[in-house]
Amino acid sequence: MTATDANPVQDGGLSSPIIRRLRRDLPFFAVALGVLALDQLTKSLVRNGLAIGESWPSESWLVKITHVTNSGAAFGILQGQGVFLTITAFVAIGAIAFYYAFPPLEHGLLRLALGLQLGGAVGNLLDRLRFGEVTDMFHFPHYPAFNIADSSIVVGLVAIGAFLLFGPALTGKPKEPEPQADAD
């Protein structure tokens, strides 16, 4: 056994399994924490700066920040189903943790997409646990109000969908050919 084998930190720690794992995991956790922090900050600013139903800027603007609360899910469905939605959020967070911990989700895009979804799910769950409803704010004409957590969940889903559809092109690995039956 050489001195380098005995002390993996001697070579700068780059070969240490712990350092490799941290480098692989850091973007996932950074994205999740960044989404969570930005989501909670914007919701707090809206709750403290605008009365429910109040908008900023004026009505002449196309996109407004409007203080809206939502006791349901996306697009206003499942109104008043807070317990169900809270349990669903815990299940979703557990599923994200499971898929994160047990690859085949090794590709960086999938890890970032899961980070977006985790940050969004935790952000909306915190609102449900603290206030019994979610604070939404971004308001476009003819479209339900939404928040950063909602956006992150949707972007994460779109990224995973794109990866599943176009994965071989994104990874540079050719798609394995389908096995053919032997002709007798």
N, C-alpha and C. Protein backbone atom coordinates (compact mmCIF):
# COMPACT_ATOMS: atom_id res chain seq x y z
N MET A 1 0.85 -1.18 0.00
CA MET A 1 0.00 0.00 0.00
C MET A 1 0.89 1.24 0.00
N THR A 2 0.63 2.16 -0.89
CA THR A 2 1.43 3.37 -0.98
C THR A 2 0.86 4.44 -0.08
N ALA A 3 1.62 5.51 0.07
CA ALA A 3 1.17 6.61 0.92
C ALA A 3 -0.09 7.25 0.35
N THR A 4 -0.20 7.30 -0.99
CA THR A 4 -1.38 7.88 -1.61
C THR A 4 -2.61 7.03 -1.35
N ASP A 5 -2.44 5.69 -1.37
CA ASP A 5 -3.56 4.81 -1.08
C ASP A 5 -4.06 4.98 0.35
N ALA A 6 -3.13 5.21 1.26
CA ALA A 6 -3.50 5.33 2.67
C ALA A 6 -4.20 6.65 2.95
N ASN A 7 -3.86 7.69 2.20
CA ASN A 7 -4.42 9.00 2.47
C ASN A 7 -4.93 9.61 1.17
N PRO A 8 -6.21 9.42 0.83
CA PRO A 8 -6.73 9.94 -0.43
C PRO A 8 -6.73 11.45 -0.51
N VAL A 9 -6.58 12.15 0.61
CA VAL A 9 -6.56 13.61 0.58
C VAL A 9 -5.23 14.12 0.05
N GLN A 10 -4.17 13.28 0.07
CA GLN A 10 -2.86 13.71 -0.39
C GLN A 10 -2.86 14.16 -1.84
N ASP A 11 -3.67 13.55 -2.68
CA ASP A 11 -3.70 13.94 -4.08
C ASP A 11 -4.71 15.07 -4.34
N GLY A 12 -4.98 15.84 -3.33
CA GLY A 12 -5.91 16.95 -3.45
C GLY A 12 -7.34 16.55 -3.16
N GLY A 13 -7.55 15.29 -2.80
CA GLY A 13 -8.88 14.83 -2.45
C GLY A 13 -9.76 14.55 -3.65
N LEU A 14 -9.20 14.72 -4.87
CA LEU A 14 -10.02 14.58 -6.05
C LEU A 14 -10.46 13.14 -6.29
N SER A 15 -9.72 12.20 -5.77
CA SER A 15 -10.09 10.81 -6.00
C SER A 15 -10.93 10.25 -4.86
N SER A 16 -11.13 11.00 -3.83
CA SER A 16 -11.91 10.54 -2.69
C SER A 16 -13.36 10.33 -3.12
N PRO A 17 -13.94 9.18 -2.77
CA PRO A 17 -15.36 8.96 -3.11
C PRO A 17 -16.29 10.01 -2.51
N ILE A 18 -15.94 10.49 -1.34
CA ILE A 18 -16.78 11.51 -0.68
C ILE A 18 -16.74 12.81 -1.48
N ILE A 19 -15.56 13.22 -1.91
CA ILE A 19 -15.42 14.45 -2.68
C ILE A 19 -16.14 14.31 -4.03
N ARG A 20 -15.99 13.15 -4.68
CA ARG A 20 -16.68 12.93 -5.96
C ARG A 20 -18.19 12.99 -5.76
N ARG A 21 -18.68 12.40 -4.69
CA ARG A 21 -20.12 12.41 -4.42
C ARG A 21 -20.61 13.83 -4.14
N LEU A 22 -19.83 14.58 -3.36
CA LEU A 22 -20.21 15.97 -3.07
C LEU A 22 -20.24 16.81 -4.34
N ARG A 23 -19.26 16.61 -5.21
CA ARG A 23 -19.23 17.36 -6.46
C ARG A 23 -20.43 17.01 -7.34
N ARG A 24 -20.81 15.74 -7.33
CA ARG A 24 -21.96 15.30 -8.11
C ARG A 24 -23.26 15.82 -7.51
N ASP A 25 -23.36 15.85 -6.19
CA ASP A 25 -24.60 16.21 -5.51
C ASP A 25 -24.78 17.71 -5.32
N LEU A 26 -23.71 18.47 -5.32
CA LEU A 26 -23.80 19.91 -5.03
C LEU A 26 -24.79 20.64 -5.94
N PRO A 27 -24.77 20.44 -7.26
CA PRO A 27 -25.74 21.16 -8.10
C PRO A 27 -27.20 20.83 -7.73
N PHE A 28 -27.49 19.57 -7.43
CA PHE A 28 -28.84 19.17 -7.05
C PHE A 28 -29.30 19.95 -5.82
N PHE A 29 -28.47 19.92 -4.78
CA PHE A 29 -28.85 20.60 -3.54
C PHE A 29 -28.82 22.12 -3.69
N ALA A 30 -27.89 22.65 -4.47
CA ALA A 30 -27.83 24.11 -4.68
C ALA A 30 -29.07 24.60 -5.41
N VAL A 31 -29.50 23.86 -6.43
CA VAL A 31 -30.72 24.24 -7.16
C VAL A 31 -31.93 24.15 -6.24
N ALA A 32 -32.06 23.05 -5.51
CA ALA A 32 -33.21 22.89 -4.61
C ALA A 32 -33.25 24.00 -3.57
N LEU A 33 -32.12 24.27 -2.94
CA LEU A 33 -32.08 25.33 -1.92
C LEU A 33 -32.29 26.71 -2.53
N GLY A 34 -31.74 26.94 -3.72
CA GLY A 34 -31.93 28.23 -4.40
C GLY A 34 -33.39 28.48 -4.74
N VAL A 35 -34.06 27.46 -5.28
CA VAL A 35 -35.49 27.58 -5.60
C VAL A 35 -36.29 27.83 -4.33
N LEU A 36 -36.01 27.05 -3.29
CA LEU A 36 -36.73 27.20 -2.03
C LEU A 36 -36.54 28.60 -1.46
N ALA A 37 -35.31 29.09 -1.44
CA ALA A 37 -35.03 30.42 -0.88
C ALA A 37 -35.72 31.52 -1.69
N LEU A 38 -35.60 31.46 -3.02
CA LEU A 38 -36.21 32.48 -3.87
C LEU A 38 -37.74 32.43 -3.78
N ASP A 39 -38.28 31.22 -3.73
CA ASP A 39 -39.72 31.06 -3.60
C ASP A 39 -40.22 31.66 -2.30
N GLN A 40 -39.59 31.32 -1.20
CA GLN A 40 -40.04 31.82 0.10
C GLN A 40 -39.82 33.33 0.23
N LEU A 41 -38.73 33.85 -0.34
CA LEU A 41 -38.49 35.29 -0.31
C LEU A 41 -39.57 36.05 -1.07
N THR A 42 -39.87 35.60 -2.31
CA THR A 42 -40.87 36.32 -3.09
C THR A 42 -42.25 36.22 -2.45
N LYS A 43 -42.59 35.07 -1.90
CA LYS A 43 -43.88 34.93 -1.24
C LYS A 43 -43.97 35.84 -0.01
N SER A 44 -42.89 35.93 0.74
CA SER A 44 -42.88 36.81 1.91
C SER A 44 -43.03 38.27 1.50
N LEU A 45 -42.33 38.67 0.45
CA LEU A 45 -42.44 40.05 -0.03
C LEU A 45 -43.87 40.37 -0.46
N VAL A 46 -44.51 39.43 -1.14
CA VAL A 46 -45.89 39.65 -1.59
C VAL A 46 -46.84 39.68 -0.40
N ARG A 47 -46.69 38.73 0.53
CA ARG A 47 -47.58 38.70 1.70
C ARG A 47 -47.45 39.97 2.54
N ASN A 48 -46.23 40.49 2.65
CA ASN A 48 -45.99 41.68 3.48
C ASN A 48 -46.22 42.99 2.73
N GLY A 49 -46.20 42.95 1.39
CA GLY A 49 -46.28 44.19 0.64
C GLY A 49 -47.60 44.46 -0.04
N LEU A 50 -48.40 43.42 -0.24
CA LEU A 50 -49.67 43.59 -0.95
C LEU A 50 -50.80 42.93 -0.16
N ALA A 51 -51.94 43.58 -0.14
CA ALA A 51 -53.13 42.96 0.45
C ALA A 51 -53.63 41.89 -0.51
N ILE A 52 -54.35 40.91 0.00
CA ILE A 52 -54.89 39.87 -0.87
C ILE A 52 -55.76 40.51 -1.95
N GLY A 53 -55.48 40.15 -3.18
CA GLY A 53 -56.20 40.70 -4.32
C GLY A 53 -55.56 41.95 -4.90
N GLU A 54 -54.65 42.58 -4.18
CA GLU A 54 -53.98 43.79 -4.66
C GLU A 54 -52.91 43.42 -5.69
N SER A 55 -52.76 44.28 -6.71
CA SER A 55 -51.78 44.04 -7.78
C SER A 55 -50.80 45.18 -7.88
N TRP A 56 -49.65 44.86 -8.41
CA TRP A 56 -48.61 45.84 -8.71
C TRP A 56 -47.95 45.42 -10.00
N PRO A 57 -47.62 46.21 -10.90
CA PRO A 57 -47.95 47.63 -11.06
C PRO A 57 -49.39 47.82 -11.52
N SER A 58 -49.61 48.94 -12.19
CA SER A 58 -50.99 49.32 -12.52
C SER A 58 -51.63 48.33 -13.50
N GLU A 59 -52.93 48.50 -13.67
CA GLU A 59 -53.71 47.62 -14.54
C GLU A 59 -53.25 47.67 -16.00
N SER A 60 -52.53 48.70 -16.40
CA SER A 60 -52.12 48.82 -17.80
C SER A 60 -51.00 47.84 -18.17
N TRP A 61 -50.36 47.25 -17.19
CA TRP A 61 -49.28 46.31 -17.45
C TRP A 61 -49.84 44.94 -17.83
N LEU A 62 -49.15 44.25 -18.71
CA LEU A 62 -49.58 42.93 -19.14
C LEU A 62 -49.39 41.90 -18.02
N VAL A 63 -48.22 41.90 -17.40
CA VAL A 63 -47.92 40.96 -16.32
C VAL A 63 -47.90 41.74 -15.02
N LYS A 64 -48.59 41.18 -14.02
CA LYS A 64 -48.66 41.87 -12.72
C LYS A 64 -48.28 40.91 -11.60
N ILE A 65 -47.86 41.49 -10.51
CA ILE A 65 -47.69 40.75 -9.26
C ILE A 65 -48.99 40.97 -8.50
N THR A 66 -49.72 39.91 -8.27
CA THR A 66 -51.00 39.98 -7.57
C THR A 66 -50.97 39.01 -6.41
N HIS A 67 -51.33 39.49 -5.23
CA HIS A 67 -51.36 38.62 -4.04
C HIS A 67 -52.60 37.75 -4.09
N VAL A 68 -52.38 36.46 -4.35
CA VAL A 68 -53.46 35.49 -4.45
C VAL A 68 -53.12 34.33 -3.53
N THR A 69 -54.14 33.78 -2.88
CA THR A 69 -53.92 32.55 -2.10
C THR A 69 -54.68 31.42 -2.76
N ASN A 70 -54.15 30.22 -2.61
CA ASN A 70 -54.72 29.07 -3.28
C ASN A 70 -54.71 27.89 -2.30
N SER A 71 -55.89 27.42 -1.94
CA SER A 71 -55.97 26.27 -1.04
C SER A 71 -56.01 24.97 -1.82
N GLY A 72 -55.95 25.07 -3.16
CA GLY A 72 -56.00 23.89 -4.01
C GLY A 72 -54.66 23.64 -4.67
N ALA A 73 -54.74 22.99 -5.82
CA ALA A 73 -53.55 22.65 -6.59
C ALA A 73 -53.48 23.57 -7.81
N ALA A 74 -52.68 23.19 -8.77
CA ALA A 74 -52.50 23.98 -9.98
C ALA A 74 -53.84 24.25 -10.66
N PHE A 75 -53.97 25.43 -11.22
CA PHE A 75 -55.16 25.86 -11.95
C PHE A 75 -56.41 25.87 -11.07
N GLY A 76 -56.21 25.94 -9.75
CA GLY A 76 -57.34 26.05 -8.84
C GLY A 76 -58.11 24.77 -8.61
N ILE A 77 -57.59 23.62 -9.07
CA ILE A 77 -58.31 22.37 -8.82
C ILE A 77 -58.07 21.92 -7.39
N LEU A 78 -58.93 21.07 -6.89
CA LEU A 78 -58.84 20.49 -5.55
C LEU A 78 -58.86 21.55 -4.44
N GLN A 79 -59.66 22.59 -4.61
CA GLN A 79 -59.77 23.63 -3.59
C GLN A 79 -60.23 23.01 -2.27
N GLY A 80 -59.61 23.43 -1.19
CA GLY A 80 -59.99 22.98 0.14
C GLY A 80 -59.51 21.57 0.48
N GLN A 81 -58.69 21.00 -0.33
CA GLN A 81 -58.19 19.64 -0.11
C GLN A 81 -56.77 19.68 0.46
N GLY A 82 -56.53 20.53 1.45
CA GLY A 82 -55.21 20.75 2.02
C GLY A 82 -54.54 19.50 2.57
N VAL A 83 -55.30 18.66 3.28
CA VAL A 83 -54.71 17.45 3.86
C VAL A 83 -54.24 16.52 2.75
N PHE A 84 -55.08 16.31 1.75
CA PHE A 84 -54.71 15.46 0.62
C PHE A 84 -53.48 16.01 -0.09
N LEU A 85 -53.46 17.32 -0.34
CA LEU A 85 -52.34 17.94 -1.05
C LEU A 85 -51.06 17.91 -0.21
N THR A 86 -51.18 18.02 1.10
CA THR A 86 -50.01 17.93 1.97
C THR A 86 -49.42 16.52 1.94
N ILE A 87 -50.29 15.53 2.03
CA ILE A 87 -49.82 14.13 1.96
C ILE A 87 -49.19 13.87 0.59
N THR A 88 -49.82 14.37 -0.46
CA THR A 88 -49.29 14.20 -1.81
C THR A 88 -47.91 14.85 -1.93
N ALA A 89 -47.73 16.00 -1.32
CA ALA A 89 -46.42 16.67 -1.36
C ALA A 89 -45.36 15.85 -0.66
N PHE A 90 -45.70 15.27 0.49
CA PHE A 90 -44.74 14.41 1.19
C PHE A 90 -44.38 13.19 0.34
N VAL A 91 -45.37 12.61 -0.32
CA VAL A 91 -45.12 11.45 -1.19
C VAL A 91 -44.22 11.88 -2.36
N ALA A 92 -44.50 13.04 -2.95
CA ALA A 92 -43.70 13.52 -4.07
C ALA A 92 -42.26 13.78 -3.65
N ILE A 93 -42.07 14.38 -2.49
CA ILE A 93 -40.72 14.64 -1.98
C ILE A 93 -40.00 13.31 -1.74
N GLY A 94 -40.72 12.33 -1.19
CA GLY A 94 -40.13 11.00 -1.00
C GLY A 94 -39.74 10.36 -2.32
N ALA A 95 -40.60 10.50 -3.34
CA ALA A 95 -40.29 9.95 -4.66
C ALA A 95 -39.07 10.62 -5.27
N ILE A 96 -38.97 11.93 -5.12
CA ILE A 96 -37.80 12.65 -5.64
C ILE A 96 -36.55 12.16 -4.94
N ALA A 97 -36.61 12.03 -3.63
CA ALA A 97 -35.45 11.53 -2.87
C ALA A 97 -35.09 10.11 -3.31
N PHE A 98 -36.09 9.26 -3.53
CA PHE A 98 -35.85 7.88 -3.96
C PHE A 98 -35.17 7.86 -5.33
N TYR A 99 -35.73 8.60 -6.29
CA TYR A 99 -35.15 8.61 -7.63
C TYR A 99 -33.78 9.24 -7.64
N TYR A 100 -33.57 10.21 -6.77
CA TYR A 100 -32.25 10.84 -6.68
C TYR A 100 -31.22 9.86 -6.12
N ALA A 101 -31.60 9.14 -5.09
CA ALA A 101 -30.66 8.26 -4.39
C ALA A 101 -30.35 6.99 -5.17
N PHE A 102 -31.30 6.53 -5.97
CA PHE A 102 -31.10 5.28 -6.68
C PHE A 102 -31.07 5.52 -8.18
N PRO A 103 -29.86 5.74 -8.71
CA PRO A 103 -29.75 5.98 -10.16
C PRO A 103 -30.42 4.86 -10.92
N PRO A 104 -30.93 5.09 -12.07
CA PRO A 104 -30.21 5.51 -13.24
C PRO A 104 -30.23 7.01 -13.53
N LEU A 105 -30.59 7.84 -12.61
CA LEU A 105 -30.65 9.28 -12.87
C LEU A 105 -29.27 9.91 -12.70
N GLU A 106 -28.31 9.41 -13.43
CA GLU A 106 -26.95 9.89 -13.33
C GLU A 106 -26.69 11.14 -14.15
N HIS A 107 -27.50 11.39 -15.15
CA HIS A 107 -27.24 12.54 -16.03
C HIS A 107 -27.47 13.84 -15.27
N GLY A 108 -26.62 14.81 -15.48
CA GLY A 108 -26.69 16.08 -14.78
C GLY A 108 -28.00 16.82 -14.98
N LEU A 109 -28.55 16.76 -16.20
CA LEU A 109 -29.82 17.43 -16.47
C LEU A 109 -30.93 16.86 -15.60
N LEU A 110 -30.94 15.55 -15.42
CA LEU A 110 -31.96 14.94 -14.57
C LEU A 110 -31.79 15.35 -13.12
N ARG A 111 -30.58 15.44 -12.66
CA ARG A 111 -30.34 15.87 -11.28
C ARG A 111 -30.79 17.31 -11.07
N LEU A 112 -30.51 18.18 -12.04
CA LEU A 112 -30.97 19.57 -11.92
C LEU A 112 -32.49 19.65 -11.97
N ALA A 113 -33.11 18.85 -12.83
CA ALA A 113 -34.57 18.84 -12.92
C ALA A 113 -35.18 18.37 -11.60
N LEU A 114 -34.58 17.35 -11.00
CA LEU A 114 -35.07 16.88 -9.70
C LEU A 114 -34.84 17.95 -8.62
N GLY A 115 -33.75 18.68 -8.70
CA GLY A 115 -33.51 19.77 -7.75
C GLY A 115 -34.58 20.85 -7.87
N LEU A 116 -34.96 21.19 -9.12
CA LEU A 116 -36.03 22.16 -9.33
C LEU A 116 -37.33 21.66 -8.71
N GLN A 117 -37.64 20.39 -8.94
CA GLN A 117 -38.89 19.84 -8.41
C GLN A 117 -38.87 19.76 -6.89
N LEU A 118 -37.74 19.36 -6.33
CA LEU A 118 -37.65 19.28 -4.87
C LEU A 118 -37.82 20.65 -4.23
N GLY A 119 -37.11 21.65 -4.73
CA GLY A 119 -37.23 23.00 -4.19
C GLY A 119 -38.66 23.53 -4.29
N GLY A 120 -39.31 23.28 -5.42
CA GLY A 120 -40.70 23.73 -5.61
C GLY A 120 -41.67 23.00 -4.70
N ALA A 121 -41.51 21.69 -4.59
CA ALA A 121 -42.42 20.91 -3.74
C ALA A 121 -42.28 21.31 -2.28
N VAL A 122 -41.06 21.51 -1.82
CA VAL A 122 -40.86 21.91 -0.42
C VAL A 122 -41.38 23.33 -0.20
N GLY A 123 -41.17 24.22 -1.17
CA GLY A 123 -41.66 25.59 -1.04
C GLY A 123 -43.17 25.66 -0.87
N ASN A 124 -43.90 24.94 -1.71
CA ASN A 124 -45.36 24.95 -1.58
C ASN A 124 -45.83 24.19 -0.35
N LEU A 125 -45.11 23.12 0.02
CA LEU A 125 -45.46 22.38 1.23
C LEU A 125 -45.31 23.26 2.47
N LEU A 126 -44.24 24.04 2.54
CA LEU A 126 -44.05 24.94 3.68
C LEU A 126 -45.22 25.92 3.81
N ASP A 127 -45.69 26.44 2.67
CA ASP A 127 -46.85 27.34 2.72
C ASP A 127 -48.08 26.63 3.27
N ARG A 128 -48.32 25.42 2.80
CA ARG A 128 -49.50 24.66 3.27
C ARG A 128 -49.41 24.39 4.76
N LEU A 129 -48.22 24.02 5.23
CA LEU A 129 -48.06 23.71 6.65
C LEU A 129 -48.16 24.96 7.51
N ARG A 130 -47.62 26.08 7.05
CA ARG A 130 -47.62 27.31 7.85
C ARG A 130 -48.92 28.09 7.75
N PHE A 131 -49.51 28.16 6.53
CA PHE A 131 -50.66 29.05 6.32
C PHE A 131 -51.93 28.33 5.90
N GLY A 132 -51.84 27.05 5.60
CA GLY A 132 -53.00 26.31 5.14
C GLY A 132 -53.32 26.53 3.68
N GLU A 133 -52.55 27.32 3.00
CA GLU A 133 -52.74 27.61 1.58
C GLU A 133 -51.42 28.12 1.00
N VAL A 134 -51.36 28.18 -0.31
CA VAL A 134 -50.15 28.60 -1.01
C VAL A 134 -50.32 30.03 -1.49
N THR A 135 -49.28 30.82 -1.39
CA THR A 135 -49.29 32.18 -1.90
C THR A 135 -48.83 32.16 -3.36
N ASP A 136 -49.67 32.68 -4.25
CA ASP A 136 -49.33 32.82 -5.67
C ASP A 136 -49.23 34.30 -5.98
N MET A 137 -48.51 34.64 -7.06
CA MET A 137 -48.32 36.06 -7.33
C MET A 137 -48.19 36.46 -8.78
N PHE A 138 -47.60 35.63 -9.62
CA PHE A 138 -47.39 36.04 -11.02
C PHE A 138 -48.69 35.87 -11.77
N HIS A 139 -49.18 36.99 -12.32
CA HIS A 139 -50.50 36.97 -12.91
C HIS A 139 -50.46 37.50 -14.34
N PHE A 140 -50.75 36.61 -15.28
CA PHE A 140 -50.88 36.96 -16.69
C PHE A 140 -52.38 36.99 -17.01
N PRO A 141 -52.78 37.77 -17.99
CA PRO A 141 -54.20 37.78 -18.35
C PRO A 141 -54.65 36.38 -18.80
N HIS A 142 -55.83 35.98 -18.38
CA HIS A 142 -56.45 34.71 -18.78
C HIS A 142 -55.63 33.49 -18.38
N TYR A 143 -54.88 33.59 -17.31
CA TYR A 143 -54.07 32.46 -16.84
C TYR A 143 -54.04 32.52 -15.32
N PRO A 144 -54.17 31.40 -14.63
CA PRO A 144 -54.16 31.42 -13.17
C PRO A 144 -52.82 31.93 -12.62
N ALA A 145 -52.88 32.58 -11.48
CA ALA A 145 -51.65 33.07 -10.83
C ALA A 145 -50.82 31.86 -10.39
N PHE A 146 -49.50 32.06 -10.35
CA PHE A 146 -48.58 31.00 -9.95
C PHE A 146 -47.41 31.61 -9.21
N ASN A 147 -46.51 30.78 -8.71
CA ASN A 147 -45.36 31.25 -7.96
C ASN A 147 -44.09 30.58 -8.47
N ILE A 148 -42.97 30.87 -7.87
CA ILE A 148 -41.69 30.31 -8.29
C ILE A 148 -41.67 28.80 -8.09
N ALA A 149 -42.24 28.32 -7.00
CA ALA A 149 -42.28 26.87 -6.76
C ALA A 149 -43.03 26.16 -7.88
N ASP A 150 -44.18 26.70 -8.26
CA ASP A 150 -44.96 26.10 -9.35
C ASP A 150 -44.14 26.06 -10.64
N SER A 151 -43.51 27.17 -10.96
CA SER A 151 -42.70 27.26 -12.17
C SER A 151 -41.56 26.25 -12.16
N SER A 152 -40.92 26.09 -11.02
CA SER A 152 -39.80 25.17 -10.91
C SER A 152 -40.24 23.72 -11.10
N ILE A 153 -41.38 23.39 -10.56
CA ILE A 153 -41.91 22.04 -10.73
C ILE A 153 -42.20 21.77 -12.21
N VAL A 154 -42.83 22.73 -12.88
CA VAL A 154 -43.16 22.56 -14.30
C VAL A 154 -41.90 22.48 -15.15
N VAL A 155 -40.95 23.37 -14.92
CA VAL A 155 -39.70 23.34 -15.70
C VAL A 155 -38.97 22.02 -15.47
N GLY A 156 -38.97 21.53 -14.24
CA GLY A 156 -38.35 20.23 -13.95
C GLY A 156 -39.03 19.10 -14.70
N LEU A 157 -40.37 19.12 -14.74
CA LEU A 157 -41.11 18.09 -15.47
C LEU A 157 -40.82 18.16 -16.97
N VAL A 158 -40.77 19.36 -17.52
CA VAL A 158 -40.48 19.52 -18.94
C VAL A 158 -39.06 19.02 -19.25
N ALA A 159 -38.11 19.33 -18.38
CA ALA A 159 -36.73 18.87 -18.59
C ALA A 159 -36.64 17.35 -18.55
N ILE A 160 -37.34 16.73 -17.61
CA ILE A 160 -37.33 15.26 -17.55
C ILE A 160 -38.01 14.68 -18.78
N GLY A 161 -39.12 15.27 -19.19
CA GLY A 161 -39.81 14.80 -20.40
C GLY A 161 -38.92 14.92 -21.63
N ALA A 162 -38.24 16.06 -21.76
CA ALA A 162 -37.33 16.24 -22.89
C ALA A 162 -36.20 15.23 -22.84
N PHE A 163 -35.70 14.96 -21.66
CA PHE A 163 -34.63 13.97 -21.54
C PHE A 163 -35.12 12.58 -21.93
N LEU A 164 -36.31 12.23 -21.50
CA LEU A 164 -36.83 10.91 -21.85
C LEU A 164 -37.08 10.78 -23.35
N LEU A 165 -37.51 11.88 -23.98
CA LEU A 165 -37.76 11.85 -25.42
C LEU A 165 -36.48 11.92 -26.25
N PHE A 166 -35.56 12.77 -25.80
CA PHE A 166 -34.36 13.04 -26.58
C PHE A 166 -33.08 12.62 -25.87
N GLY A 167 -33.20 11.79 -24.85
CA GLY A 167 -32.05 11.40 -24.02
C GLY A 167 -30.83 10.96 -24.77
N PRO A 168 -30.95 10.03 -25.73
CA PRO A 168 -29.75 9.59 -26.44
C PRO A 168 -29.03 10.75 -27.14
N ALA A 169 -29.78 11.70 -27.68
CA ALA A 169 -29.14 12.84 -28.34
C ALA A 169 -28.45 13.74 -27.32
N LEU A 170 -29.03 13.84 -26.12
CA LEU A 170 -28.43 14.69 -25.09
C LEU A 170 -27.19 14.05 -24.47
N THR A 171 -27.18 12.74 -24.35
CA THR A 171 -26.05 12.07 -23.70
C THR A 171 -24.95 11.74 -24.68
N GLY A 172 -25.26 11.79 -25.98
CA GLY A 172 -24.26 11.43 -26.97
C GLY A 172 -24.14 9.92 -27.16
N LYS A 173 -24.95 9.16 -26.45
CA LYS A 173 -24.93 7.70 -26.58
C LYS A 173 -26.00 7.30 -27.58
N PRO A 174 -25.65 6.45 -28.52
CA PRO A 174 -26.68 6.00 -29.47
C PRO A 174 -27.69 5.10 -28.76
N LYS A 175 -28.90 5.18 -29.25
CA LYS A 175 -29.95 4.35 -28.69
C LYS A 175 -29.66 2.90 -29.07
N GLU A 176 -29.80 2.01 -28.10
CA GLU A 176 -29.54 0.60 -28.36
C GLU A 176 -30.60 0.06 -29.30
N PRO A 177 -30.17 -0.73 -30.31
CA PRO A 177 -31.16 -1.27 -31.24
C PRO A 177 -32.04 -2.31 -30.56
N GLU A 178 -33.27 -2.40 -31.04
CA GLU A 178 -34.20 -3.38 -30.52
C GLU A 178 -33.72 -4.77 -30.91
N PRO A 179 -33.78 -5.74 -30.00
CA PRO A 179 -33.40 -7.10 -30.37
C PRO A 179 -34.39 -7.65 -31.40
N GLN A 180 -33.84 -8.34 -32.38
CA GLN A 180 -34.68 -8.89 -33.43
C GLN A 180 -34.84 -10.38 -33.21
N ALA A 181 -36.01 -10.87 -33.53
CA ALA A 181 -36.27 -12.30 -33.40
C ALA A 181 -35.57 -13.04 -34.52
N ASP A 182 -35.06 -14.23 -34.21
CA ASP A 182 -34.41 -15.06 -35.23
C ASP A 182 -35.46 -15.57 -36.21
N ALA A 183 -35.16 -15.48 -37.47
CA ALA A 183 -36.06 -16.01 -38.48
C ALA A 183 -35.69 -17.45 -38.75
N ASP A 184 -36.66 -18.33 -38.66
CA ASP A 184 -36.39 -19.77 -38.92
C ASP A 184 -36.70 -20.11 -40.34
